[in-house]
Amino acid sequence: DSLGFDTGSTQSAIIPVKIGDASVTAQMASMLMDSGIYTNPIIYPAVSKKNARIRTSLMATHTPEQLDRALNAFEDAGKKLNLI
């Protein structure tokens, strides 16, 4: 949220980062993977064509350093793709 991404109002450890466009979602997932951040791109037909998203999962075993690394990768990718 504070980076400018739409994460909805989830109450679980699965956090969606709503992108919208399937192609941009795939690009972002690839950029994140290149940064060592594993995510699941969710695109049509799993969601409607306008609701593509990156699905992340938060675990209690993630360290603050790992979370910072993931957030930095999201910020970098989001800026490169003009999402934030």
PDB file of N, CA and C in Angstrom:
ATOM      1  N   ASP A   1       0.808  -1.192   0.000  1.00  0.00           N
ATOM      2  CA  ASP A   1       0.000   0.000   0.000  1.00  0.00           C
ATOM      3  C   ASP A   1       0.856   1.263   0.000  1.00  0.00           C
ATOM      4  N   SER A   2       1.816   1.359   0.890  1.00  0.00           N
ATOM      5  CA  SER A   2       2.582   2.606   0.986  1.00  0.00           C
ATOM      6  C   SER A   2       3.478   2.841  -0.225  1.00  0.00           C
ATOM      7  N   LEU A   3       3.752   1.792  -1.004  1.00  0.00           N
ATOM      8  CA  LEU A   3       4.513   1.971  -2.239  1.00  0.00           C
ATOM      9  C   LEU A   3       3.624   2.471  -3.368  1.00  0.00           C
ATOM     10  N   GLY A   4       2.318   2.339  -3.203  1.00  0.00           N
ATOM     11  CA  GLY A   4       1.406   2.795  -4.244  1.00  0.00           C
ATOM     12  C   GLY A   4       0.708   1.675  -4.992  1.00  0.00           C
ATOM     13  N   PHE A   5       0.932   0.431  -4.589  1.00  0.00           N
ATOM     14  CA  PHE A   5       0.266  -0.699  -5.223  1.00  0.00           C
ATOM     15  C   PHE A   5      -1.101  -0.929  -4.585  1.00  0.00           C
ATOM     16  N   ASP A   6      -2.021  -1.476  -5.365  1.00  0.00           N
ATOM     17  CA  ASP A   6      -3.337  -1.859  -4.856  1.00  0.00           C
ATOM     18  C   ASP A   6      -3.239  -3.287  -4.338  1.00  0.00           C
ATOM     19  N   THR A   7      -3.326  -3.454  -3.021  1.00  0.00           N
ATOM     20  CA  THR A   7      -3.260  -4.783  -2.420  1.00  0.00           C
ATOM     21  C   THR A   7      -4.618  -5.229  -1.879  1.00  0.00           C
ATOM     22  N   GLY A   8      -5.660  -4.486  -2.181  1.00  0.00           N
ATOM     23  CA  GLY A   8      -6.993  -4.867  -1.728  1.00  0.00           C
ATOM     24  C   GLY A   8      -7.113  -4.793  -0.223  1.00  0.00           C
ATOM     25  N   SER A   9      -8.027  -5.590   0.303  1.00  0.00           N
ATOM     26  CA  SER A   9      -8.282  -5.572   1.748  1.00  0.00           C
ATOM     27  C   SER A   9      -8.191  -6.976   2.344  1.00  0.00           C
ATOM     28  N   THR A  10      -7.212  -7.726   1.917  1.00  0.00           N
ATOM     29  CA  THR A  10      -7.065  -9.105   2.371  1.00  0.00           C
ATOM     30  C   THR A  10      -6.835  -9.181   3.882  1.00  0.00           C
ATOM     31  N   GLN A  11      -7.317 -10.256   4.488  1.00  0.00           N
ATOM     32  CA  GLN A  11      -7.125 -10.514   5.910  1.00  0.00           C
ATOM     33  C   GLN A  11      -6.318 -11.797   6.112  1.00  0.00           C
ATOM     34  N   SER A  12      -5.575 -12.195   5.078  1.00  0.00           N
ATOM     35  CA  SER A  12      -4.836 -13.452   5.160  1.00  0.00           C
ATOM     36  C   SER A  12      -3.360 -13.210   4.854  1.00  0.00           C
ATOM     37  N   ALA A  13      -2.590 -14.270   4.890  1.00  0.00           N
ATOM     38  CA  ALA A  13      -1.165 -14.198   4.578  1.00  0.00           C
ATOM     39  C   ALA A  13      -0.914 -14.142   3.077  1.00  0.00           C
ATOM     40  N   ILE A  14      -1.964 -14.324   2.276  1.00  0.00           N
ATOM     41  CA  ILE A  14      -1.848 -14.213   0.820  1.00  0.00           C
ATOM     42  C   ILE A  14      -2.220 -12.787   0.457  1.00  0.00           C
ATOM     43  N   ILE A  15      -1.256 -12.082  -0.114  1.00  0.00           N
ATOM     44  CA  ILE A  15      -1.448 -10.669  -0.425  1.00  0.00           C
ATOM     45  C   ILE A  15      -1.410 -10.485  -1.941  1.00  0.00           C
ATOM     46  N   PRO A  16      -2.527 -10.037  -2.537  1.00  0.00           N
ATOM     47  CA  PRO A  16      -2.525  -9.778  -3.969  1.00  0.00           C
ATOM     48  C   PRO A  16      -1.991  -8.378  -4.265  1.00  0.00           C
ATOM     49  N   VAL A  17      -1.203  -8.270  -5.303  1.00  0.00           N
ATOM     50  CA  VAL A  17      -0.778  -6.965  -5.800  1.00  0.00           C
ATOM     51  C   VAL A  17      -1.456  -6.830  -7.157  1.00  0.00           C
ATOM     52  N   LYS A  18      -2.503  -6.039  -7.194  1.00  0.00           N
ATOM     53  CA  LYS A  18      -3.339  -5.937  -8.379  1.00  0.00           C
ATOM     54  C   LYS A  18      -2.668  -5.057  -9.429  1.00  0.00           C
ATOM     55  N   ILE A  19      -2.445  -5.633 -10.608  1.00  0.00           N
ATOM     56  CA  ILE A  19      -1.797  -4.936 -11.711  1.00  0.00           C
ATOM     57  C   ILE A  19      -2.823  -4.594 -12.791  1.00  0.00           C
ATOM     58  N   GLY A  20      -3.668  -5.554 -13.150  1.00  0.00           N
ATOM     59  CA  GLY A  20      -4.695  -5.337 -14.161  1.00  0.00           C
ATOM     60  C   GLY A  20      -4.346  -5.978 -15.485  1.00  0.00           C
ATOM     61  N   ASP A  21      -3.320  -5.508 -16.147  1.00  0.00           N
ATOM     62  CA  ASP A  21      -2.925  -6.002 -17.468  1.00  0.00           C
ATOM     63  C   ASP A  21      -2.098  -7.283 -17.344  1.00  0.00           C
ATOM     64  N   ALA A  22      -2.482  -8.320 -18.093  1.00  0.00           N
ATOM     65  CA  ALA A  22      -1.799  -9.618 -18.004  1.00  0.00           C
ATOM     66  C   ALA A  22      -0.349  -9.537 -18.451  1.00  0.00           C
ATOM     67  N   SER A  23      -0.077  -8.798 -19.516  1.00  0.00           N
ATOM     68  CA  SER A  23       1.288  -8.681 -20.032  1.00  0.00           C
ATOM     69  C   SER A  23       2.199  -7.985 -19.027  1.00  0.00           C
ATOM     70  N   VAL A  24       1.722  -6.911 -18.437  1.00  0.00           N
ATOM     71  CA  VAL A  24       2.509  -6.188 -17.437  1.00  0.00           C
ATOM     72  C   VAL A  24       2.705  -7.051 -16.197  1.00  0.00           C
ATOM     73  N   THR A  25       1.676  -7.805 -15.830  1.00  0.00           N
ATOM     74  CA  THR A  25       1.773  -8.708 -14.687  1.00  0.00           C
ATOM     75  C   THR A  25       2.857  -9.752 -14.930  1.00  0.00           C
ATOM     76  N   ALA A  26       2.896 -10.324 -16.129  1.00  0.00           N
ATOM     77  CA  ALA A  26       3.922 -11.313 -16.469  1.00  0.00           C
ATOM     78  C   ALA A  26       5.312 -10.687 -16.447  1.00  0.00           C
ATOM     79  N   GLN A  27       5.434  -9.464 -16.955  1.00  0.00           N
ATOM     80  CA  GLN A  27       6.720  -8.765 -16.937  1.00  0.00           C
ATOM     81  C   GLN A  27       7.183  -8.532 -15.500  1.00  0.00           C
ATOM     82  N   MET A  28       6.254  -8.116 -14.671  1.00  0.00           N
ATOM     83  CA  MET A  28       6.606  -7.848 -13.278  1.00  0.00           C
ATOM     84  C   MET A  28       7.039  -9.132 -12.571  1.00  0.00           C
ATOM     85  N   ALA A  29       6.306 -10.204 -12.782  1.00  0.00           N
ATOM     86  CA  ALA A  29       6.668 -11.482 -12.165  1.00  0.00           C
ATOM     87  C   ALA A  29       8.061 -11.911 -12.602  1.00  0.00           C
ATOM     88  N   SER A  30       8.387 -11.701 -13.865  1.00  0.00           N
ATOM     89  CA  SER A  30       9.709 -12.052 -14.381  1.00  0.00           C
ATOM     90  C   SER A  30      10.795 -11.182 -13.745  1.00  0.00           C
ATOM     91  N   MET A  31      10.525  -9.888 -13.616  1.00  0.00           N
ATOM     92  CA  MET A  31      11.490  -8.980 -12.993  1.00  0.00           C
ATOM     93  C   MET A  31      11.719  -9.355 -11.528  1.00  0.00           C
ATOM     94  N   LEU A  32      10.654  -9.697 -10.839  1.00  0.00           N
ATOM     95  CA  LEU A  32      10.776 -10.101  -9.442  1.00  0.00           C
ATOM     96  C   LEU A  32      11.585 -11.387  -9.322  1.00  0.00           C
ATOM     97  N   MET A  33      11.309 -12.349 -10.208  1.00  0.00           N
ATOM     98  CA  MET A  33      12.057 -13.613 -10.185  1.00  0.00           C
ATOM     99  C   MET A  33      13.540 -13.354 -10.451  1.00  0.00           C
ATOM    100  N   ASP A  34      13.828 -12.453 -11.391  1.00  0.00           N
ATOM    101  CA  ASP A  34      15.225 -12.100 -11.668  1.00  0.00           C
ATOM    102  C   ASP A  34      15.897 -11.490 -10.441  1.00  0.00           C
ATOM    103  N   SER A  35      15.100 -10.881  -9.571  1.00  0.00           N
ATOM    104  CA  SER A  35      15.618 -10.292  -8.327  1.00  0.00           C
ATOM    105  C   SER A  35      15.634 -11.293  -7.179  1.00  0.00           C
ATOM    106  N   GLY A  36      15.236 -12.541  -7.459  1.00  0.00           N
ATOM    107  CA  GLY A  36      15.234 -13.577  -6.435  1.00  0.00           C
ATOM    108  C   GLY A  36      13.976 -13.618  -5.597  1.00  0.00           C
ATOM    109  N   ILE A  37      12.904 -12.973  -6.074  1.00  0.00           N
ATOM    110  CA  ILE A  37      11.638 -12.930  -5.342  1.00  0.00           C
ATOM    111  C   ILE A  37      10.636 -13.805  -6.083  1.00  0.00           C
ATOM    112  N   TYR A  38      10.218 -14.891  -5.456  1.00  0.00           N
ATOM    113  CA  TYR A  38       9.246 -15.800  -6.075  1.00  0.00           C
ATOM    114  C   TYR A  38       7.832 -15.301  -5.784  1.00  0.00           C
ATOM    115  N   THR A  39       7.054 -15.132  -6.846  1.00  0.00           N
ATOM    116  CA  THR A  39       5.648 -14.763  -6.734  1.00  0.00           C
ATOM    117  C   THR A  39       4.859 -15.585  -7.734  1.00  0.00           C
ATOM    118  N   ASN A  40       3.552 -15.535  -7.621  1.00  0.00           N
ATOM    119  CA  ASN A  40       2.679 -16.213  -8.572  1.00  0.00           C
ATOM    120  C   ASN A  40       1.917 -15.178  -9.381  1.00  0.00           C
ATOM    121  N   PRO A  41       2.165 -15.103 -10.709  1.00  0.00           N
ATOM    122  CA  PRO A  41       1.326 -14.228 -11.519  1.00  0.00           C
ATOM    123  C   PRO A  41      -0.020 -14.913 -11.748  1.00  0.00           C
ATOM    124  N   ILE A  42      -1.083 -14.212 -11.479  1.00  0.00           N
ATOM    125  CA  ILE A  42      -2.434 -14.761 -11.641  1.00  0.00           C
ATOM    126  C   ILE A  42      -3.095 -13.987 -12.780  1.00  0.00           C
ATOM    127  N   ILE A  43      -3.349 -14.689 -13.876  1.00  0.00           N
ATOM    128  CA  ILE A  43      -3.929 -14.051 -15.052  1.00  0.00           C
ATOM    129  C   ILE A  43      -5.128 -14.851 -15.553  1.00  0.00           C
ATOM    130  N   TYR A  44      -5.808 -14.318 -16.557  1.00  0.00           N
ATOM    131  CA  TYR A  44      -6.954 -14.974 -17.162  1.00  0.00           C
ATOM    132  C   TYR A  44      -6.541 -16.373 -17.612  1.00  0.00           C
ATOM    133  N   PRO A  45      -7.330 -17.405 -17.387  1.00  0.00           N
ATOM    134  CA  PRO A  45      -8.722 -17.440 -16.953  1.00  0.00           C
ATOM    135  C   PRO A  45      -8.914 -17.597 -15.442  1.00  0.00           C
ATOM    136  N   ALA A  46      -7.830 -17.547 -14.668  1.00  0.00           N
ATOM    137  CA  ALA A  46      -7.982 -17.667 -13.208  1.00  0.00           C
ATOM    138  C   ALA A  46      -8.685 -16.444 -12.627  1.00  0.00           C
ATOM    139  N   VAL A  47      -8.489 -15.295 -13.263  1.00  0.00           N
ATOM    140  CA  VAL A  47      -9.192 -14.057 -12.905  1.00  0.00           C
ATOM    141  C   VAL A  47      -9.651 -13.419 -14.210  1.00  0.00           C
ATOM    142  N   SER A  48     -10.534 -12.451 -14.131  1.00  0.00           N
ATOM    143  CA  SER A  48     -10.984 -11.783 -15.345  1.00  0.00           C
ATOM    144  C   SER A  48      -9.816 -11.084 -16.030  1.00  0.00           C
ATOM    145  N   LYS A  49      -9.967 -10.786 -17.309  1.00  0.00           N
ATOM    146  CA  LYS A  49      -8.874 -10.205 -18.086  1.00  0.00           C
ATOM    147  C   LYS A  49      -8.383  -8.873 -17.530  1.00  0.00           C
ATOM    148  N   LYS A  50      -9.208  -8.162 -16.812  1.00  0.00           N
ATOM    149  CA  LYS A  50      -8.829  -6.864 -16.262  1.00  0.00           C
ATOM    150  C   LYS A  50      -8.295  -6.949 -14.831  1.00  0.00           C
ATOM    151  N   ASN A  51      -8.234  -8.150 -14.268  1.00  0.00           N
ATOM    152  CA  ASN A  51      -7.859  -8.308 -12.859  1.00  0.00           C
ATOM    153  C   ASN A  51      -6.597  -9.127 -12.624  1.00  0.00           C
ATOM    154  N   ALA A  52      -5.660  -9.082 -13.561  1.00  0.00           N
ATOM    155  CA  ALA A  52      -4.399  -9.803 -13.368  1.00  0.00           C
ATOM    156  C   ALA A  52      -3.693  -9.254 -12.138  1.00  0.00           C
ATOM    157  N   ARG A  53      -2.993 -10.131 -11.451  1.00  0.00           N
ATOM    158  CA  ARG A  53      -2.336  -9.733 -10.209  1.00  0.00           C
ATOM    159  C   ARG A  53      -1.132 -10.606  -9.924  1.00  0.00           C
ATOM    160  N   ILE A  54      -0.313 -10.139  -9.023  1.00  0.00           N
ATOM    161  CA  ILE A  54       0.803 -10.906  -8.479  1.00  0.00           C
ATOM    162  C   ILE A  54       0.355 -11.363  -7.099  1.00  0.00           C
ATOM    163  N   ARG A  55       0.471 -12.641  -6.844  1.00  0.00           N
ATOM    164  CA  ARG A  55       0.096 -13.165  -5.528  1.00  0.00           C
ATOM    165  C   ARG A  55       1.360 -13.428  -4.728  1.00  0.00           C
ATOM    166  N   THR A  56       1.385 -12.879  -3.531  1.00  0.00           N
ATOM    167  CA  THR A  56       2.509 -13.091  -2.623  1.00  0.00           C
ATOM    168  C   THR A  56       2.004 -13.794  -1.369  1.00  0.00           C
ATOM    169  N   SER A  57       2.896 -14.440  -0.675  1.00  0.00           N
ATOM    170  CA  SER A  57       2.547 -15.110   0.581  1.00  0.00           C
ATOM    171  C   SER A  57       3.527 -14.693   1.652  1.00  0.00           C
ATOM    172  N   LEU A  58       3.000 -14.247   2.753  1.00  0.00           N
ATOM    173  CA  LEU A  58       3.804 -13.825   3.891  1.00  0.00           C
ATOM    174  C   LEU A  58       3.812 -14.945   4.931  1.00  0.00           C
ATOM    175  N   MET A  59       5.002 -15.243   5.464  1.00  0.00           N
ATOM    176  CA  MET A  59       5.120 -16.281   6.492  1.00  0.00           C
ATOM    177  C   MET A  59       5.800 -15.697   7.722  1.00  0.00           C
ATOM    178  N   ALA A  60       5.510 -16.253   8.864  1.00  0.00           N
ATOM    179  CA  ALA A  60       6.118 -15.802  10.115  1.00  0.00           C
ATOM    180  C   ALA A  60       7.629 -16.005  10.112  1.00  0.00           C
ATOM    181  N   THR A  61       8.109 -16.888   9.263  1.00  0.00           N
ATOM    182  CA  THR A  61       9.547 -17.161   9.220  1.00  0.00           C
ATOM    183  C   THR A  61      10.314 -16.178   8.343  1.00  0.00           C
ATOM    184  N   HIS A  62       9.622 -15.313   7.623  1.00  0.00           N
ATOM    185  CA  HIS A  62      10.327 -14.289   6.847  1.00  0.00           C
ATOM    186  C   HIS A  62      11.010 -13.315   7.804  1.00  0.00           C
ATOM    187  N   THR A  63      12.257 -12.998   7.508  1.00  0.00           N
ATOM    188  CA  THR A  63      13.001 -12.050   8.339  1.00  0.00           C
ATOM    189  C   THR A  63      12.723 -10.625   7.860  1.00  0.00           C
ATOM    190  N   PRO A  64      12.963  -9.643   8.701  1.00  0.00           N
ATOM    191  CA  PRO A  64      12.819  -8.255   8.256  1.00  0.00           C
ATOM    192  C   PRO A  64      13.683  -7.955   7.025  1.00  0.00           C
ATOM    193  N   GLU A  65      14.859  -8.531   6.961  1.00  0.00           N
ATOM    194  CA  GLU A  65      15.741  -8.322   5.817  1.00  0.00           C
ATOM    195  C   GLU A  65      15.131  -8.889   4.534  1.00  0.00           C
ATOM    196  N   GLN A  66      14.522 -10.078   4.624  1.00  0.00           N
ATOM    197  CA  GLN A  66      13.872 -10.669   3.456  1.00  0.00           C
ATOM    198  C   GLN A  66      12.695  -9.816   2.998  1.00  0.00           C
ATOM    199  N   LEU A  67      11.927  -9.324   3.943  1.00  0.00           N
ATOM    200  CA  LEU A  67      10.788  -8.477   3.601  1.00  0.00           C
ATOM    201  C   LEU A  67      11.249  -7.175   2.952  1.00  0.00           C
ATOM    202  N   ASP A  68      12.306  -6.580   3.481  1.00  0.00           N
ATOM    203  CA  ASP A  68      12.852  -5.359   2.875  1.00  0.00           C
ATOM    204  C   ASP A  68      13.329  -5.623   1.458  1.00  0.00           C
ATOM    205  N   ARG A  69      13.992  -6.753   1.256  1.00  0.00           N
ATOM    206  CA  ARG A  69      14.474  -7.114  -0.086  1.00  0.00           C
ATOM    207  C   ARG A  69      13.314  -7.273  -1.059  1.00  0.00           C
ATOM    208  N   ALA A  70      12.254  -7.926  -0.620  1.00  0.00           N
ATOM    209  CA  ALA A  70      11.073  -8.115  -1.469  1.00  0.00           C
ATOM    210  C   ALA A  70      10.413  -6.773  -1.785  1.00  0.00           C
ATOM    211  N   LEU A  71      10.254  -5.934  -0.771  1.00  0.00           N
ATOM    212  CA  LEU A  71       9.633  -4.624  -1.004  1.00  0.00           C
ATOM    213  C   LEU A  71      10.474  -3.770  -1.939  1.00  0.00           C
ATOM    214  N   ASN A  72      11.785  -3.819  -1.788  1.00  0.00           N
ATOM    215  CA  ASN A  72      12.665  -3.073  -2.697  1.00  0.00           C
ATOM    216  C   ASN A  72      12.534  -3.575  -4.130  1.00  0.00           C
ATOM    217  N   ALA A  73      12.431  -4.887  -4.307  1.00  0.00           N
ATOM    218  CA  ALA A  73      12.267  -5.458  -5.647  1.00  0.00           C
ATOM    219  C   ALA A  73      10.928  -5.038  -6.253  1.00  0.00           C
ATOM    220  N   PHE A  74       9.873  -5.038  -5.442  1.00  0.00           N
ATOM    221  CA  PHE A  74       8.573  -4.577  -5.926  1.00  0.00           C
ATOM    222  C   PHE A  74       8.644  -3.108  -6.324  1.00  0.00           C
ATOM    223  N   GLU A  75       9.297  -2.311  -5.509  1.00  0.00           N
ATOM    224  CA  GLU A  75       9.404  -0.878  -5.814  1.00  0.00           C
ATOM    225  C   GLU A  75      10.174  -0.658  -7.117  1.00  0.00           C
ATOM    226  N   ASP A  76      11.299  -1.337  -7.273  1.00  0.00           N
ATOM    227  CA  ASP A  76      12.102  -1.194  -8.489  1.00  0.00           C
ATOM    228  C   ASP A  76      11.310  -1.612  -9.727  1.00  0.00           C
ATOM    229  N   ALA A  77      10.666  -2.772  -9.664  1.00  0.00           N
ATOM    230  CA  ALA A  77       9.893  -3.265 -10.804  1.00  0.00           C
ATOM    231  C   ALA A  77       8.711  -2.338 -11.085  1.00  0.00           C
ATOM    232  N   GLY A  78       8.031  -1.893 -10.043  1.00  0.00           N
ATOM    233  CA  GLY A  78       6.891  -1.014 -10.221  1.00  0.00           C
ATOM    234  C   GLY A  78       7.265   0.293 -10.888  1.00  0.00           C
ATOM    235  N   LYS A  79       8.410   0.827 -10.529  1.00  0.00           N
ATOM    236  CA  LYS A  79       8.874   2.075 -11.154  1.00  0.00           C
ATOM    237  C   LYS A  79       9.275   1.840 -12.603  1.00  0.00           C
ATOM    238  N   LYS A  80       9.976   0.750 -12.871  1.00  0.00           N
ATOM    239  CA  LYS A  80      10.407   0.448 -14.252  1.00  0.00           C
ATOM    240  C   LYS A  80       9.217   0.224 -15.172  1.00  0.00           C
ATOM    241  N   LEU A  81       8.138  -0.320 -14.618  1.00  0.00           N
ATOM    242  CA  LEU A  81       6.937  -0.596 -15.422  1.00  0.00           C
ATOM    243  C   LEU A  81       5.916   0.542 -15.342  1.00  0.00           C
ATOM    244  N   ASN A  82       6.293   1.650 -14.719  1.00  0.00           N
ATOM    245  CA  ASN A  82       5.420   2.820 -14.573  1.00  0.00           C
ATOM    246  C   ASN A  82       4.102   2.496 -13.867  1.00  0.00           C
ATOM    247  N   LEU A  83       4.186   1.610 -12.877  1.00  0.00           N
ATOM    248  CA  LEU A  83       3.011   1.265 -12.083  1.00  0.00           C
ATOM    249  C   LEU A  83       2.905   2.132 -10.844  1.00  0.00           C
ATOM    250  N   ILE A  84       4.045   2.610 -10.383  1.00  0.00           N
ATOM    251  CA  ILE A  84       4.072   3.484  -9.205  1.00  0.00           C
ATOM    252  C   ILE A  84       4.974   4.677  -9.490  1.00  0.00           C
TER     253      ILE A  84
END
